[in-house]
Each structure stands twice: as structure tokens, then as C-alpha cells.
């Protein structure tokens, strides 16, 4: 159920494009705008929430909350060491 109303000003070219698209899709300009807002902003917000949750889980496993007290730099170094061994450090120090 729609409960809020807003007013948006469009230039003539954009308005005509939206009207043509709405006719093509058999919907209203308002519904086109609502769909675009959902795709552009709500999807990204939900995605960011997933990212934040992943970070929290990672910290619980590898960070301060697990009692290890490691900062992000030491965690990244440890991950690189586990993945590449000490080779990457020697390679970088040669340059």
C-alpha cells in the first residue's frame, strides 16, 4: 500500500521517455520510478547489510572478539603468509 506522496520535476525529454516506456511496459510512470528507486537504492542497502554481516563474522573468527586481539593489518599479513608463504615478502624486498 502506498502511503507517501512526492513530487518530482523532469525535463521534457526525460518525461517523454518515461511516458513512452510506461506505455510499452503497460504500467505507470510512478511505478517505473518506484522500481528504479528499489533497484538503485534498496538492493544496494541490502547488499551492504550482507557485507557488514560478513565482516562481523570474520571479526568473530579472526579478530578482537575471539580474544586474539589482532588488528586488520596483522590479519591480512597472516592470510597472505598462509596463502603465499614467505615468498611474497622476499619478492617485495628485492625491488
N, C-alpha and C. Protein backbone atom coordinates (compact mmCIF):
# COMPACT_ATOMS: atom_id res chain seq x y z
N UNK A 1 0.85 -1.17 0.00
CA UNK A 1 0.00 0.00 0.00
C UNK A 1 0.90 1.24 0.00
N UNK A 2 0.59 2.15 -0.88
CA UNK A 2 1.36 3.39 -0.97
C UNK A 2 0.87 4.37 0.08
N UNK A 3 1.79 4.96 0.85
CA UNK A 3 1.36 5.85 1.94
C UNK A 3 1.97 7.25 1.87
N UNK A 4 2.99 7.45 1.06
CA UNK A 4 3.62 8.76 0.94
C UNK A 4 3.57 9.23 -0.49
N UNK A 5 3.48 10.52 -0.65
CA UNK A 5 3.42 11.12 -1.97
C UNK A 5 4.57 12.10 -2.11
N UNK A 6 5.14 12.18 -3.31
CA UNK A 6 6.20 13.14 -3.57
C UNK A 6 5.99 13.75 -4.94
N UNK A 7 6.68 14.83 -5.19
CA UNK A 7 6.59 15.48 -6.49
C UNK A 7 8.00 15.58 -7.06
N UNK A 8 8.15 15.13 -8.30
CA UNK A 8 9.45 15.14 -8.97
C UNK A 8 9.31 15.91 -10.27
N UNK A 9 10.24 16.79 -10.53
CA UNK A 9 10.23 17.55 -11.77
C UNK A 9 11.21 16.92 -12.76
N UNK A 10 10.72 16.66 -13.98
CA UNK A 10 11.53 16.11 -15.05
C UNK A 10 11.60 17.10 -16.21
N UNK A 11 12.71 17.08 -16.94
CA UNK A 11 12.73 17.89 -18.17
C UNK A 11 11.85 17.18 -19.20
N UNK A 12 11.50 17.89 -20.27
CA UNK A 12 10.54 17.38 -21.24
C UNK A 12 11.01 16.07 -21.89
N UNK A 13 12.28 15.99 -22.25
CA UNK A 13 12.81 14.80 -22.91
C UNK A 13 12.72 13.57 -22.00
N UNK A 14 13.12 13.73 -20.74
CA UNK A 14 13.06 12.61 -19.81
C UNK A 14 11.62 12.19 -19.56
N UNK A 15 10.73 13.18 -19.39
CA UNK A 15 9.32 12.86 -19.16
C UNK A 15 8.75 12.07 -20.33
N UNK A 16 9.01 12.52 -21.56
CA UNK A 16 8.50 11.82 -22.74
C UNK A 16 9.05 10.40 -22.83
N UNK A 17 10.31 10.23 -22.49
CA UNK A 17 10.92 8.90 -22.48
C UNK A 17 10.23 8.00 -21.47
N UNK A 18 9.97 8.53 -20.27
CA UNK A 18 9.31 7.74 -19.23
C UNK A 18 7.87 7.38 -19.63
N UNK A 19 7.16 8.33 -20.24
CA UNK A 19 5.79 8.05 -20.68
C UNK A 19 5.79 6.96 -21.74
N UNK A 20 6.70 7.05 -22.72
CA UNK A 20 6.77 6.02 -23.76
C UNK A 20 7.11 4.66 -23.17
N UNK A 21 8.06 4.63 -22.25
CA UNK A 21 8.45 3.37 -21.61
C UNK A 21 7.31 2.78 -20.78
N UNK A 22 6.58 3.65 -20.09
CA UNK A 22 5.45 3.18 -19.29
C UNK A 22 4.37 2.57 -20.19
N UNK A 23 4.11 3.19 -21.33
CA UNK A 23 3.13 2.63 -22.27
C UNK A 23 3.60 1.27 -22.79
N UNK A 24 4.90 1.21 -23.13
CA UNK A 24 5.47 -0.04 -23.64
C UNK A 24 5.36 -1.16 -22.62
N UNK A 25 5.58 -0.84 -21.36
CA UNK A 25 5.55 -1.86 -20.29
C UNK A 25 4.16 -2.00 -19.67
N UNK A 26 3.21 -1.22 -20.15
CA UNK A 26 1.83 -1.24 -19.63
C UNK A 26 1.79 -1.01 -18.13
N UNK A 27 2.46 0.07 -17.73
CA UNK A 27 2.48 0.46 -16.32
C UNK A 27 2.44 1.99 -16.25
N UNK A 28 2.59 2.53 -15.07
CA UNK A 28 2.57 3.98 -14.90
C UNK A 28 3.99 4.52 -14.76
N UNK A 29 4.13 5.82 -14.98
CA UNK A 29 5.42 6.46 -14.76
C UNK A 29 5.80 6.32 -13.29
N UNK A 30 4.85 6.47 -12.40
CA UNK A 30 5.12 6.32 -10.97
C UNK A 30 5.71 4.96 -10.63
N UNK A 31 5.15 3.92 -11.24
CA UNK A 31 5.66 2.57 -10.97
C UNK A 31 7.07 2.40 -11.54
N UNK A 32 7.33 3.00 -12.70
CA UNK A 32 8.69 2.96 -13.25
C UNK A 32 9.68 3.60 -12.27
N UNK A 33 9.30 4.75 -11.72
CA UNK A 33 10.17 5.45 -10.78
C UNK A 33 10.37 4.64 -9.51
N UNK A 34 9.29 4.07 -8.97
CA UNK A 34 9.41 3.24 -7.76
C UNK A 34 10.32 2.04 -8.00
N UNK A 35 10.17 1.40 -9.15
CA UNK A 35 11.01 0.25 -9.49
C UNK A 35 12.48 0.66 -9.58
N UNK A 36 12.73 1.79 -10.24
CA UNK A 36 14.11 2.27 -10.38
C UNK A 36 14.72 2.59 -9.01
N UNK A 37 13.95 3.19 -8.13
CA UNK A 37 14.44 3.52 -6.78
C UNK A 37 14.74 2.24 -6.01
N UNK A 38 13.85 1.27 -6.09
CA UNK A 38 14.10 -0.01 -5.40
C UNK A 38 15.40 -0.66 -5.90
N UNK A 39 15.56 -0.71 -7.23
CA UNK A 39 16.76 -1.34 -7.79
C UNK A 39 18.03 -0.57 -7.43
N UNK A 40 17.97 0.73 -7.48
CA UNK A 40 19.17 1.54 -7.26
C UNK A 40 19.56 1.64 -5.80
N UNK A 41 18.59 1.78 -4.91
CA UNK A 41 18.91 2.07 -3.51
C UNK A 41 18.63 0.93 -2.55
N UNK A 42 17.50 0.29 -2.65
CA UNK A 42 17.17 -0.75 -1.67
C UNK A 42 18.03 -1.99 -1.87
N UNK A 43 18.29 -2.38 -3.09
CA UNK A 43 19.14 -3.54 -3.35
C UNK A 43 20.54 -3.29 -2.81
N UNK A 44 21.07 -2.11 -3.04
CA UNK A 44 22.42 -1.79 -2.56
C UNK A 44 22.47 -1.77 -1.05
N UNK A 45 21.42 -1.26 -0.42
CA UNK A 45 21.37 -1.24 1.04
C UNK A 45 21.37 -2.65 1.60
N UNK A 46 20.58 -3.53 1.00
CA UNK A 46 20.55 -4.92 1.45
C UNK A 46 21.90 -5.58 1.25
N UNK A 47 22.54 -5.27 0.13
CA UNK A 47 23.87 -5.83 -0.15
C UNK A 47 24.88 -5.34 0.88
N UNK A 48 24.80 -4.07 1.25
CA UNK A 48 25.72 -3.53 2.25
C UNK A 48 25.50 -4.20 3.60
N UNK A 49 24.26 -4.49 3.94
CA UNK A 49 23.98 -5.19 5.19
C UNK A 49 24.63 -6.58 5.19
N UNK A 50 24.59 -7.25 4.03
CA UNK A 50 25.25 -8.56 3.92
C UNK A 50 26.75 -8.44 4.12
N UNK A 51 27.34 -7.39 3.54
CA UNK A 51 28.78 -7.17 3.68
C UNK A 51 29.14 -6.91 5.14
N UNK A 52 28.37 -6.08 5.81
CA UNK A 52 28.63 -5.79 7.23
C UNK A 52 28.53 -7.06 8.05
N UNK A 53 27.55 -7.89 7.76
CA UNK A 53 27.40 -9.16 8.49
C UNK A 53 28.60 -10.07 8.24
N UNK A 54 29.09 -10.12 7.00
CA UNK A 54 30.28 -10.92 6.69
C UNK A 54 31.50 -10.41 7.46
N UNK A 55 31.63 -9.11 7.56
CA UNK A 55 32.75 -8.52 8.32
C UNK A 55 32.65 -8.90 9.79
N UNK A 56 31.44 -8.84 10.33
CA UNK A 56 31.25 -9.22 11.75
C UNK A 56 31.62 -10.68 11.98
N UNK A 57 31.20 -11.55 11.08
CA UNK A 57 31.54 -12.96 11.21
C UNK A 57 33.04 -13.17 11.13
N UNK A 58 33.69 -12.45 10.21
CA UNK A 58 35.13 -12.56 10.08
C UNK A 58 35.82 -12.11 11.36
N UNK A 59 35.37 -11.00 11.91
CA UNK A 59 35.97 -10.49 13.16
C UNK A 59 35.74 -11.46 14.31
N UNK A 60 34.57 -12.06 14.34
CA UNK A 60 34.30 -13.04 15.41
C UNK A 60 35.27 -14.22 15.32
N UNK A 61 35.61 -14.60 14.11
CA UNK A 61 36.50 -15.73 13.90
C UNK A 61 37.97 -15.35 14.07
N UNK A 62 38.36 -14.19 13.55
CA UNK A 62 39.78 -13.84 13.46
C UNK A 62 40.20 -12.62 14.27
N UNK A 63 39.26 -11.88 14.81
CA UNK A 63 39.62 -10.59 15.37
C UNK A 63 39.49 -10.50 16.87
N UNK A 64 39.29 -9.29 17.33
CA UNK A 64 39.32 -8.98 18.75
C UNK A 64 38.27 -9.76 19.54
N UNK A 65 37.10 -9.96 18.98
CA UNK A 65 36.05 -10.63 19.73
C UNK A 65 36.40 -12.07 20.06
N UNK A 66 37.31 -12.65 19.28
CA UNK A 66 37.71 -14.03 19.56
C UNK A 66 38.79 -14.08 20.63
N UNK A 67 39.22 -12.91 21.11
CA UNK A 67 40.23 -12.87 22.14
C UNK A 67 41.64 -12.81 21.60
N UNK A 68 41.79 -12.84 20.29
CA UNK A 68 43.12 -12.81 19.69
C UNK A 68 43.70 -11.40 19.67
N UNK A 69 42.82 -10.40 19.66
CA UNK A 69 43.26 -9.01 19.73
C UNK A 69 44.04 -8.54 18.51
N UNK A 70 43.85 -9.19 17.37
CA UNK A 70 44.60 -8.81 16.18
C UNK A 70 43.92 -7.65 15.46
N UNK A 71 44.75 -6.78 14.89
CA UNK A 71 44.18 -5.72 14.07
C UNK A 71 44.11 -6.19 12.63
N UNK A 72 43.48 -5.39 11.76
CA UNK A 72 43.27 -5.82 10.38
C UNK A 72 44.59 -6.03 9.63
N UNK A 73 45.61 -5.23 9.91
CA UNK A 73 46.89 -5.39 9.22
C UNK A 73 47.51 -6.74 9.53
N UNK A 74 47.52 -7.14 10.78
CA UNK A 74 48.11 -8.42 11.13
C UNK A 74 47.30 -9.58 10.57
N UNK A 75 45.99 -9.41 10.50
CA UNK A 75 45.14 -10.46 9.94
C UNK A 75 45.44 -10.63 8.45
N UNK A 76 45.57 -9.52 7.72
CA UNK A 76 45.87 -9.60 6.28
C UNK A 76 47.25 -10.22 6.07
N UNK A 77 48.22 -9.82 6.87
CA UNK A 77 49.56 -10.41 6.74
C UNK A 77 49.52 -11.92 6.97
N UNK A 78 48.78 -12.32 7.99
CA UNK A 78 48.67 -13.75 8.30
C UNK A 78 48.01 -14.49 7.14
N UNK A 79 46.96 -13.91 6.55
CA UNK A 79 46.28 -14.53 5.43
C UNK A 79 47.22 -14.65 4.23
N UNK A 80 48.01 -13.60 3.97
CA UNK A 80 48.97 -13.65 2.86
C UNK A 80 50.03 -14.72 3.11
N UNK A 81 50.51 -14.80 4.35
CA UNK A 81 51.52 -15.82 4.68
C UNK A 81 50.95 -17.22 4.47
N UNK A 82 49.69 -17.42 4.89
CA UNK A 82 49.08 -18.72 4.72
C UNK A 82 48.89 -19.06 3.25
N UNK A 83 48.59 -18.05 2.47
CA UNK A 83 48.33 -18.28 1.05
C UNK A 83 49.60 -18.39 0.22
N UNK A 84 50.55 -17.49 0.46
CA UNK A 84 51.74 -17.41 -0.39
C UNK A 84 53.03 -17.84 0.30
N UNK A 85 52.99 -18.04 1.58
CA UNK A 85 54.20 -18.33 2.33
C UNK A 85 55.05 -17.07 2.43
N UNK A 86 56.30 -17.23 2.67
CA UNK A 86 57.18 -16.07 2.81
C UNK A 86 57.69 -15.55 1.46
N UNK A 87 57.35 -16.20 0.36
CA UNK A 87 57.84 -15.81 -0.96
C UNK A 87 57.46 -14.37 -1.30
N UNK A 88 56.24 -13.99 -0.98
CA UNK A 88 55.80 -12.65 -1.37
C UNK A 88 56.61 -11.57 -0.64
N UNK A 89 57.07 -11.85 0.57
CA UNK A 89 57.88 -10.88 1.29
C UNK A 89 59.26 -10.74 0.66
N UNK A 90 59.87 -11.85 0.31
CA UNK A 90 61.18 -11.80 -0.34
C UNK A 90 61.10 -11.11 -1.69
N UNK A 91 60.06 -11.42 -2.45
CA UNK A 91 59.88 -10.82 -3.76
C UNK A 91 59.75 -9.31 -3.64
N UNK A 92 58.98 -8.85 -2.68
CA UNK A 92 58.79 -7.41 -2.48
C UNK A 92 60.06 -6.73 -2.00
N UNK A 93 60.84 -7.41 -1.18
CA UNK A 93 62.05 -6.79 -0.63
C UNK A 93 63.16 -6.68 -1.66
N UNK A 94 63.08 -7.44 -2.74
CA UNK A 94 64.09 -7.39 -3.80
C UNK A 94 63.93 -6.18 -4.72
N UNK A 95 62.84 -5.48 -4.64
CA UNK A 95 62.59 -4.34 -5.53
C UNK A 95 62.92 -3.04 -4.89
